[in-house]
Structure formats: C-alpha cells, structure tokens
Amino acid sequence: MFMGDTGSLALGGVIGLIAILVKQEILLALVGGVFLMEIGSVMIQIASLKLLVKRVFKCTPIHHHFEQLGWTETQIVVRFWILAGLFAMLGLATLKLR
C-alpha cells in the first residue's frame, strides 16, 4: 500500500498524540527506530556537509545509500523489516521493566 504525504503525516501525528496521552513518548522513539535512522541519516549528512564539507553517505535517506551500494530494493525492505521487528521487541521488553 502506498500512502502519500498527507496520509502519512496525519497517521504519524495521531500515533504521536496517542504516545503523549499515554505518557510513552520514549517508547514511541524506540519502536520507531527505523524512522529515526532515516531522519538521523539526513541530519548527519547535512551536518557533515556544512561542517566538514564531506559526505558521510553516498545519498540520503539511508535507504538510498544502500541502493547506491548495489543492494536491491527487496534486500533493503527485508532488512528494514527485521530492524523494525527488533525495535518492536525491544520496546515490548521495556514495558516489562516498568
């Protein structure tokens, strides 16, 4: 399923609001680790270009970097699924700690 900017921004806003209402903001950041990796790669690239005038990644967001390294789209998607699953399990594990 493909979701455009309007739908994904609305869905992200609702998920963020729910996390704030149930006071689980840090858990949201942990479970959304793949999204933070994508955003973080862009922030690192911009900072390094401005400060060091040098690229850290071939292209950002990070999934484009992997494409440029020769990975297929399927490889990238499956690896991101695995990472998302690991982040979700880590998030569930932190619920047990409380």
C-alpha atoms as a PDB file:
ATOM      1  CA  MET A   1       0.000   0.000   0.000  1.00  0.00           C
ATOM      2  CA  PHE A   2       1.315   3.447  -0.860  1.00  0.00           C
ATOM      3  CA  MET A   3       0.474   6.363   1.388  1.00  0.00           C
ATOM      4  CA  GLY A   4       1.105   9.938   0.332  1.00  0.00           C
ATOM      5  CA  ASP A   5       2.426  12.763   2.471  1.00  0.00           C
ATOM      6  CA  THR A   6      -0.984  13.841   3.731  1.00  0.00           C
ATOM      7  CA  GLY A   7      -1.981  10.400   4.999  1.00  0.00           C
ATOM      8  CA  SER A   8       1.400   9.531   6.491  1.00  0.00           C
ATOM      9  CA  LEU A   9       1.705  12.871   8.282  1.00  0.00           C
ATOM     10  CA  ALA A  10      -1.804  12.522   9.717  1.00  0.00           C
ATOM     11  CA  LEU A  11      -1.130   8.944  10.817  1.00  0.00           C
ATOM     12  CA  GLY A  12       2.203   9.923  12.388  1.00  0.00           C
ATOM     13  CA  GLY A  13       0.527  12.807  14.203  1.00  0.00           C
ATOM     14  CA  VAL A  14      -2.171  10.553  15.624  1.00  0.00           C
ATOM     15  CA  ILE A  15       0.399   7.978  16.781  1.00  0.00           C
ATOM     16  CA  GLY A  16       2.453  10.753  18.399  1.00  0.00           C
ATOM     17  CA  LEU A  17      -0.625  12.159  20.129  1.00  0.00           C
ATOM     18  CA  ILE A  18      -1.559   8.746  21.488  1.00  0.00           C
ATOM     19  CA  ALA A  19       2.009   8.267  22.795  1.00  0.00           C
ATOM     20  CA  ILE A  20       1.807  11.620  24.593  1.00  0.00           C
ATOM     21  CA  LEU A  21      -1.629  10.861  26.047  1.00  0.00           C
ATOM     22  CA  VAL A  22      -0.475   7.530  27.489  1.00  0.00           C
ATOM     23  CA  LYS A  23       2.886   9.053  28.547  1.00  0.00           C
ATOM     24  CA  GLN A  24       5.012   6.684  26.442  1.00  0.00           C
ATOM     25  CA  GLU A  25       6.968   9.172  24.324  1.00  0.00           C
ATOM     26  CA  ILE A  26      10.325   7.439  24.786  1.00  0.00           C
ATOM     27  CA  LEU A  27       8.779   4.106  23.858  1.00  0.00           C
ATOM     28  CA  LEU A  28       7.487   5.649  20.622  1.00  0.00           C
ATOM     29  CA  ALA A  29      11.012   6.791  19.756  1.00  0.00           C
ATOM     30  CA  LEU A  30      12.337   3.289  20.469  1.00  0.00           C
ATOM     31  CA  VAL A  31       9.676   1.453  18.476  1.00  0.00           C
ATOM     32  CA  GLY A  32      10.050   3.928  15.600  1.00  0.00           C
ATOM     33  CA  GLY A  33      13.793   3.263  15.384  1.00  0.00           C
ATOM     34  CA  VAL A  34      13.782   2.718  11.612  1.00  0.00           C
ATOM     35  CA  PHE A  35      12.155   6.110  11.083  1.00  0.00           C
ATOM     36  CA  LEU A  36      14.708   7.727  13.388  1.00  0.00           C
ATOM     37  CA  MET A  37      17.505   6.068  11.394  1.00  0.00           C
ATOM     38  CA  GLU A  38      16.111   7.574   8.199  1.00  0.00           C
ATOM     39  CA  ILE A  39      15.826  11.051   9.725  1.00  0.00           C
ATOM     40  CA  GLY A  40      19.146  10.724  11.538  1.00  0.00           C
ATOM     41  CA  SER A  41      20.999   9.858   8.335  1.00  0.00           C
ATOM     42  CA  VAL A  42      19.744  13.063   6.713  1.00  0.00           C
ATOM     43  CA  MET A  43      20.716  15.140   9.762  1.00  0.00           C
ATOM     44  CA  ILE A  44      24.198  13.592   9.851  1.00  0.00           C
ATOM     45  CA  GLN A  45      24.680  14.199   6.121  1.00  0.00           C
ATOM     46  CA  ILE A  46      23.645  17.857   6.338  1.00  0.00           C
ATOM     47  CA  ALA A  47      25.805  18.490   9.411  1.00  0.00           C
ATOM     48  CA  SER A  48      28.857  16.841   7.845  1.00  0.00           C
ATOM     49  CA  LEU A  49      28.414  18.760   4.593  1.00  0.00           C
ATOM     50  CA  LYS A  50      28.201  22.075   6.440  1.00  0.00           C
ATOM     51  CA  LEU A  51      30.948  21.418   8.996  1.00  0.00           C
ATOM     52  CA  LEU A  52      33.380  19.114   7.206  1.00  0.00           C
ATOM     53  CA  VAL A  53      32.389  19.765   3.569  1.00  0.00           C
ATOM     54  CA  LYS A  54      32.440  15.994   3.176  1.00  0.00           C
ATOM     55  CA  ARG A  55      29.770  13.349   2.621  1.00  0.00           C
ATOM     56  CA  VAL A  56      29.234  10.546   5.113  1.00  0.00           C
ATOM     57  CA  PHE A  57      26.693   8.697   2.952  1.00  0.00           C
ATOM     58  CA  LYS A  58      26.528   8.452  -0.836  1.00  0.00           C
ATOM     59  CA  CYS A  59      22.913   9.637  -0.710  1.00  0.00           C
ATOM     60  CA  THR A  60      20.333  10.198   1.988  1.00  0.00           C
ATOM     61  CA  PRO A  61      17.957   8.995   3.423  1.00  0.00           C
ATOM     62  CA  ILE A  62      19.893   5.870   4.340  1.00  0.00           C
ATOM     63  CA  HIS A  63      17.881   3.514   2.105  1.00  0.00           C
ATOM     64  CA  HIS A  64      19.141   5.427  -0.964  1.00  0.00           C
ATOM     65  CA  HIS A  65      22.707   4.951   0.298  1.00  0.00           C
ATOM     66  CA  PHE A  66      22.133   1.203   0.343  1.00  0.00           C
ATOM     67  CA  GLU A  67      20.659   1.353  -3.183  1.00  0.00           C
ATOM     68  CA  GLN A  68      23.799   3.112  -4.385  1.00  0.00           C
ATOM     69  CA  LEU A  69      25.909   0.377  -2.785  1.00  0.00           C
ATOM     70  CA  GLY A  70      24.157  -2.111  -5.055  1.00  0.00           C
ATOM     71  CA  TRP A  71      21.567  -3.601  -2.720  1.00  0.00           C
ATOM     72  CA  THR A  72      18.245  -4.493  -4.326  1.00  0.00           C
ATOM     73  CA  GLU A  73      15.053  -2.875  -3.116  1.00  0.00           C
ATOM     74  CA  THR A  74      13.884  -6.213  -1.733  1.00  0.00           C
ATOM     75  CA  GLN A  75      17.073  -6.634   0.326  1.00  0.00           C
ATOM     76  CA  ILE A  76      16.670  -3.179   1.828  1.00  0.00           C
ATOM     77  CA  VAL A  77      12.981  -3.673   2.643  1.00  0.00           C
ATOM     78  CA  VAL A  78      13.529  -7.073   4.270  1.00  0.00           C
ATOM     79  CA  ARG A  79      16.429  -5.772   6.362  1.00  0.00           C
ATOM     80  CA  PHE A  80      14.343  -2.797   7.472  1.00  0.00           C
ATOM     81  CA  TRP A  81      11.527  -5.217   8.409  1.00  0.00           C
ATOM     82  CA  ILE A  82      13.992  -7.173  10.530  1.00  0.00           C
ATOM     83  CA  LEU A  83      15.199  -3.983  12.210  1.00  0.00           C
ATOM     84  CA  ALA A  84      11.609  -2.849  12.802  1.00  0.00           C
ATOM     85  CA  GLY A  85      10.844  -6.218  14.397  1.00  0.00           C
ATOM     86  CA  LEU A  86      13.893  -5.944  16.646  1.00  0.00           C
ATOM     87  CA  PHE A  87      12.936  -2.412  17.684  1.00  0.00           C
ATOM     88  CA  ALA A  88       9.373  -3.602  18.409  1.00  0.00           C
ATOM     89  CA  MET A  89      10.622  -6.487  20.556  1.00  0.00           C
ATOM     90  CA  LEU A  90      12.946  -4.124  22.399  1.00  0.00           C
ATOM     91  CA  GLY A  91      10.013  -1.795  23.007  1.00  0.00           C
ATOM     92  CA  LEU A  92       7.900  -4.655  24.349  1.00  0.00           C
ATOM     93  CA  ALA A  93      10.765  -5.720  26.580  1.00  0.00           C
ATOM     94  CA  THR A  94      10.936  -2.260  28.130  1.00  0.00           C
ATOM     95  CA  LEU A  95       7.248  -2.486  29.017  1.00  0.00           C
ATOM     96  CA  LYS A  96       8.081  -5.469  31.236  1.00  0.00           C
ATOM     97  CA  LEU A  97      10.643  -3.363  33.103  1.00  0.00           C
ATOM     98  CA  ARG A  98       8.061  -0.875  34.321  1.00  0.00           C
END
